[in-house]
N, C-alpha and C. Protein backbone atom coordinates (compact mmCIF):
# COMPACT_ATOMS: atom_id res chain seq x y z
N MET A 1 16.93 51.25 -12.66
CA MET A 1 17.35 49.17 -11.88
C MET A 1 16.93 48.84 -13.14
N GLY A 2 18.41 47.93 -13.24
CA GLY A 2 18.57 46.90 -13.69
C GLY A 2 18.07 45.86 -13.81
N MET A 3 18.34 44.52 -14.90
CA MET A 3 17.02 43.29 -14.40
C MET A 3 17.90 42.48 -13.72
N SER A 4 19.10 42.54 -13.14
CA SER A 4 20.18 41.87 -12.50
C SER A 4 19.24 42.36 -10.74
N ASP A 5 19.01 43.64 -10.65
CA ASP A 5 18.53 44.27 -9.48
C ASP A 5 17.26 44.09 -8.85
N ALA A 6 16.38 43.24 -10.33
CA ALA A 6 15.11 43.13 -9.59
C ALA A 6 14.92 41.27 -9.41
N VAL A 7 15.76 40.77 -9.63
CA VAL A 7 16.04 38.57 -9.22
C VAL A 7 16.54 38.89 -8.22
N PRO A 8 16.26 38.19 -7.31
CA PRO A 8 17.40 37.72 -6.19
C PRO A 8 17.57 37.00 -6.26
N GLU A 9 18.93 36.86 -6.03
CA GLU A 9 20.00 35.80 -6.16
C GLU A 9 19.62 34.47 -5.58
N PRO A 10 19.75 33.22 -6.02
CA PRO A 10 19.43 31.65 -5.37
C PRO A 10 20.36 31.75 -4.34
N SER A 11 19.84 31.24 -3.41
CA SER A 11 20.87 30.94 -2.11
C SER A 11 21.48 29.63 -2.30
N GLN A 12 22.43 29.49 -1.89
CA GLN A 12 23.61 28.14 -1.60
C GLN A 12 23.36 27.65 -1.11
N GLU A 13 22.62 28.24 -0.18
CA GLU A 13 22.12 27.13 0.79
C GLU A 13 20.93 26.79 0.97
N VAL A 14 21.01 24.90 1.40
CA VAL A 14 19.84 24.55 1.42
C VAL A 14 19.03 24.87 2.15
N ALA A 15 17.78 25.06 2.55
CA ALA A 15 16.75 24.99 3.71
C ALA A 15 17.13 23.77 4.53
N VAL A 16 17.23 23.48 6.20
CA VAL A 16 17.30 22.16 6.41
C VAL A 16 16.64 22.35 7.74
N ASP A 17 15.34 21.32 7.88
CA ASP A 17 14.52 21.19 9.09
C ASP A 17 15.00 20.84 10.25
N PRO A 18 15.48 21.99 11.07
CA PRO A 18 16.21 21.28 12.20
C PRO A 18 15.55 20.44 12.80
N GLU A 19 14.00 20.42 12.67
CA GLU A 19 13.08 19.37 13.69
C GLU A 19 13.45 17.58 13.11
N HIS A 20 14.05 17.95 11.19
CA HIS A 20 13.46 16.32 10.65
C HIS A 20 14.79 15.48 11.20
N ASP A 21 14.52 14.59 11.31
CA ASP A 21 15.53 13.28 11.91
C ASP A 21 15.50 12.22 10.92
N PRO A 22 16.48 12.12 9.92
CA PRO A 22 15.80 11.06 9.19
C PRO A 22 16.35 9.38 9.46
N ALA A 23 16.59 9.21 11.19
CA ALA A 23 16.66 8.61 11.43
C ALA A 23 15.76 8.08 12.91
N ALA A 24 14.92 9.01 12.68
CA ALA A 24 13.76 9.41 13.99
C ALA A 24 12.80 8.27 13.09
N PRO A 25 11.85 8.21 14.32
CA PRO A 25 10.91 7.31 14.04
C PRO A 25 9.74 7.64 12.93
N ALA A 26 8.91 7.09 11.80
CA ALA A 26 8.08 8.00 11.04
C ALA A 26 6.56 7.12 10.88
N PRO A 27 6.01 7.24 10.89
CA PRO A 27 4.92 7.44 11.14
C PRO A 27 5.01 6.02 9.84
N LEU A 28 4.36 4.87 9.46
CA LEU A 28 4.18 3.95 8.07
C LEU A 28 3.04 4.33 7.45
N ASN A 29 1.81 5.04 8.38
CA ASN A 29 0.78 5.07 7.59
C ASN A 29 0.11 4.04 7.14
N VAL A 30 -0.09 2.83 7.58
CA VAL A 30 -0.96 1.59 7.06
C VAL A 30 -2.23 1.51 7.74
N PRO A 31 -3.56 1.81 7.10
CA PRO A 31 -4.70 1.53 7.34
C PRO A 31 -5.07 0.50 7.82
N ARG A 32 -5.64 0.26 9.13
CA ARG A 32 -6.41 -0.60 9.80
C ARG A 32 -7.55 -0.74 9.39
N THR A 33 -8.42 -1.73 8.63
CA THR A 33 -9.82 -1.42 8.13
C THR A 33 -10.27 -1.86 9.64
N PRO A 34 -11.52 -1.09 10.47
CA PRO A 34 -12.19 -2.13 11.47
C PRO A 34 -12.92 -3.09 11.08
N THR A 35 -12.96 -4.48 11.89
CA THR A 35 -13.46 -5.82 11.92
C THR A 35 -14.70 -5.12 12.55
N GLY A 36 -14.99 -4.54 12.75
CA GLY A 36 -17.08 -4.65 13.70
C GLY A 36 -17.09 -5.03 15.14
N ASP A 37 -15.35 -5.58 15.72
CA ASP A 37 -15.66 -6.21 16.67
C ASP A 37 -14.85 -5.45 17.06
N ALA A 38 -15.73 -4.15 18.29
CA ALA A 38 -14.63 -3.75 19.53
C ALA A 38 -12.91 -3.47 20.02
N GLU A 39 -13.22 -4.94 20.62
CA GLU A 39 -11.98 -5.21 21.58
C GLU A 39 -11.04 -5.28 20.32
N VAL A 40 -11.40 -6.20 19.30
CA VAL A 40 -10.46 -6.15 18.35
C VAL A 40 -9.77 -5.32 17.61
N ASP A 41 -10.92 -4.39 17.14
CA ASP A 41 -10.40 -2.69 16.61
C ASP A 41 -9.41 -1.84 17.51
N ALA A 42 -10.25 -2.13 19.19
CA ALA A 42 -8.83 -1.61 20.14
C ALA A 42 -7.13 -1.81 19.72
N ARG A 43 -7.39 -3.57 19.66
CA ARG A 43 -6.10 -4.35 19.54
C ARG A 43 -5.27 -3.66 18.47
N LEU A 44 -6.08 -3.80 17.33
CA LEU A 44 -4.99 -3.29 15.80
C LEU A 44 -4.65 -1.43 16.18
N GLU A 45 -5.80 -0.52 16.62
CA GLU A 45 -5.59 1.11 16.34
C GLU A 45 -4.05 0.83 18.11
N ARG A 46 -3.81 -0.39 18.15
CA ARG A 46 -2.69 0.33 19.32
C ARG A 46 -1.17 -0.16 18.43
N LEU A 47 -1.30 -0.85 17.07
CA LEU A 47 -0.62 -1.13 16.34
C LEU A 47 -0.25 0.35 16.31
N GLY A 48 -0.84 1.57 15.78
CA GLY A 48 -0.21 2.49 15.37
C GLY A 48 0.74 3.49 16.28
N ASP A 49 0.98 2.67 17.63
CA ASP A 49 1.72 3.18 19.36
C ASP A 49 2.68 2.99 18.22
N ALA A 50 3.39 1.69 17.57
CA ALA A 50 5.06 1.37 17.18
C ALA A 50 5.14 2.61 16.13
N ASP A 51 4.43 3.61 15.31
CA ASP A 51 4.55 4.40 14.66
C ASP A 51 5.53 5.32 15.20
N HIS A 52 5.42 5.78 16.67
CA HIS A 52 5.56 7.06 17.45
C HIS A 52 7.33 6.35 18.10
N LEU A 53 7.87 5.18 17.81
CA LEU A 53 8.98 4.93 18.78
C LEU A 53 9.70 3.71 17.46
N ALA A 54 10.83 3.45 18.00
CA ALA A 54 11.96 3.56 18.06
C ALA A 54 12.01 1.77 17.82
N THR A 55 12.48 1.65 16.87
CA THR A 55 12.81 0.28 15.92
C THR A 55 12.85 -1.19 17.96
N ASP A 56 13.27 -0.64 18.63
CA ASP A 56 13.62 -1.63 19.41
C ASP A 56 12.51 -1.36 20.47
N GLY A 57 11.62 -0.58 20.23
CA GLY A 57 9.99 -0.15 21.14
C GLY A 57 9.30 -1.41 20.64
N HIS A 58 9.32 -1.59 19.03
CA HIS A 58 8.09 -2.24 18.37
C HIS A 58 7.42 -3.58 18.55
N MET A 59 8.78 -4.72 19.41
CA MET A 59 8.69 -5.84 19.77
C MET A 59 7.50 -5.63 20.92
N GLU A 60 7.60 -4.65 22.24
CA GLU A 60 6.40 -4.05 23.24
C GLU A 60 5.26 -4.66 22.25
N VAL A 61 4.55 -3.62 21.55
CA VAL A 61 3.80 -2.97 20.83
C VAL A 61 2.82 -4.59 20.19
N TYR A 62 4.13 -4.92 19.32
CA TYR A 62 3.20 -5.76 18.62
C TYR A 62 3.42 -7.33 19.36
N GLU A 63 3.91 -7.67 20.72
CA GLU A 63 3.56 -8.91 21.50
C GLU A 63 2.51 -8.25 22.01
N ASP A 64 2.10 -7.11 22.77
CA ASP A 64 0.99 -6.93 23.72
C ASP A 64 -0.22 -7.11 22.39
N VAL A 65 0.04 -6.34 21.41
CA VAL A 65 -1.30 -6.77 20.18
C VAL A 65 -1.20 -8.42 19.96
N HIS A 66 -0.56 -8.91 20.00
CA HIS A 66 -0.80 -10.23 19.87
C HIS A 66 -1.23 -11.36 20.97
N ARG A 67 -0.69 -10.78 22.29
CA ARG A 67 -1.46 -11.44 23.31
C ARG A 67 -3.01 -10.92 23.45
N GLY A 68 -3.27 -9.26 23.18
CA GLY A 68 -5.02 -9.42 23.08
C GLY A 68 -5.35 -9.71 22.30
N LEU A 69 -4.97 -9.79 20.83
CA LEU A 69 -5.79 -10.83 19.59
C LEU A 69 -5.94 -12.51 20.55
N ARG A 70 -5.17 -12.89 20.67
CA ARG A 70 -4.80 -14.43 21.27
C ARG A 70 -5.80 -14.44 22.42
N ASP A 71 -6.18 -13.50 22.82
CA ASP A 71 -6.93 -13.43 24.00
C ASP A 71 -8.19 -13.36 23.74
N ALA A 72 -8.77 -12.60 22.74
CA ALA A 72 -9.57 -12.39 22.41
C ALA A 72 -10.44 -13.72 21.01
N LEU A 73 -9.62 -14.74 20.32
CA LEU A 73 -9.57 -15.52 20.22
C LEU A 73 -10.15 -17.02 21.15
N THR A 74 -8.72 -16.78 22.22
CA THR A 74 -9.29 -17.86 23.31
C THR A 74 -10.87 -17.54 23.78
N ALA A 75 -11.24 -16.56 23.43
CA ALA A 75 -12.87 -15.95 24.42
C ALA A 75 -13.87 -16.41 23.74
N LEU A 76 -13.56 -16.06 21.66
CA LEU A 76 -14.79 -17.28 21.27
C LEU A 76 -14.53 -18.43 21.43
N ASP A 77 -13.76 -19.21 21.57
CA ASP A 77 -13.46 -20.83 21.36
C ASP A 77 -14.23 -21.23 22.96
N ALA A 78 -14.32 -20.59 23.97
CA ALA A 78 -14.95 -20.48 25.48
C ALA A 78 -16.24 -20.41 25.70
N ARG A 79 -17.18 -19.47 24.48
CA ARG A 79 -18.15 -19.22 24.28
C ARG A 79 -19.34 -20.55 23.70
N PRO A 80 -20.47 -20.46 24.83
CA PRO A 80 -20.92 -21.68 24.45
C PRO A 80 -21.73 -21.11 23.05
N GLY A 81 -21.51 -22.61 22.08
CA GLY A 81 -22.25 -22.49 20.93
C GLY A 81 -23.63 -22.72 21.20
N PRO A 82 -24.43 -22.83 19.46
CA PRO A 82 -26.41 -22.35 19.97
C PRO A 82 -25.85 -23.94 20.12
N PRO A 83 -27.36 -24.61 20.83
CA PRO A 83 -27.41 -25.58 21.45
C PRO A 83 -27.92 -26.55 19.75
N ALA A 84 -27.29 -27.64 20.18
CA ALA A 84 -27.16 -28.56 19.09
C ALA A 84 -28.32 -29.20 18.63
N PRO A 85 -29.04 -29.49 17.72
CA PRO A 85 -30.34 -29.58 16.88
C PRO A 85 -30.60 -31.10 17.76
N SER A 86 -32.18 -31.48 17.68
CA SER A 86 -32.85 -32.38 18.90
C SER A 86 -32.99 -33.23 17.80
N PRO A 87 -32.75 -33.95 17.65
CA PRO A 87 -33.54 -35.04 16.44
C PRO A 87 -34.38 -34.82 16.51
N SER A 88 -35.55 -34.62 15.31
CA SER A 88 -36.70 -34.35 14.65
C SER A 88 -37.62 -36.25 14.83
N TYR A 89 -36.47 -37.54 14.51
CA TYR A 89 -37.56 -38.33 14.89
C TYR A 89 -36.33 -39.82 15.77
N ASP A 90 -36.68 -40.94 15.55
CA ASP A 90 -36.11 -41.70 15.95
C ASP A 90 -35.25 -42.51 15.73
N GLN A 91 -34.19 -42.16 16.56
CA GLN A 91 -32.78 -43.31 15.66
C GLN A 91 -32.52 -44.46 15.99
N ARG A 92 -33.25 -44.57 16.38
CA ARG A 92 -33.37 -46.31 16.92
C ARG A 92 -33.14 -47.02 15.24
N ALA A 93 -32.82 -48.31 15.14
CA ALA A 93 -32.96 -48.83 14.19
C ALA A 93 -34.30 -49.43 13.62
N PRO A 94 -34.54 -49.37 12.45
CA PRO A 94 -36.14 -49.85 12.04
C PRO A 94 -36.31 -51.38 12.68
N SER A 95 -38.05 -51.52 12.94
CA SER A 95 -38.01 -52.76 13.03
C SER A 95 -38.12 -53.38 11.98
N PRO A 96 -37.61 -54.82 12.10
CA PRO A 96 -37.77 -56.27 11.41
C PRO A 96 -38.56 -55.92 10.30
N SER A 97 -40.23 -55.47 10.37
CA SER A 97 -41.13 -55.61 9.27
C SER A 97 -40.91 -54.28 8.49
N TYR A 98 -39.91 -53.14 8.75
CA TYR A 98 -40.19 -52.03 8.17
C TYR A 98 -39.59 -52.26 6.56
N GLY A 99 -38.64 -53.03 6.48
CA GLY A 99 -37.91 -53.16 5.41
C GLY A 99 -38.48 -54.51 4.63
N THR A 100 -39.41 -55.21 5.39
CA THR A 100 -39.99 -56.40 4.26
C THR A 100 -41.48 -55.81 3.66
N ARG A 101 -41.42 -55.98 1.93
CA ARG A 101 -43.26 -55.52 1.60
C ARG A 101 -43.85 -57.71 0.62
N SER A 102 -44.78 -57.01 1.12
CA SER A 102 -45.82 -58.89 1.79
C SER A 102 -46.29 -58.63 0.27
């Protein structure tokens, strides 16, 4: 058996994955850091849906996420805040005798 018999000839054909389509949507794998707010985090996770859509489908996802985030911010503005601090002293003008010394 000669040397050329033991080494297989390299194939001239390049193996092509029939499943791979370079024009197909590909995930961007952009990390989404949790914010700690479940509603906001759910909206941000929805952005991942765009990874599997053709470009013309991205707008619907982005608009949906934007609408949800805007609603979440509006809800924060509508929440009652802490009560205003009550005055700890009488805010009326001082009496005339207060400013004079004898």
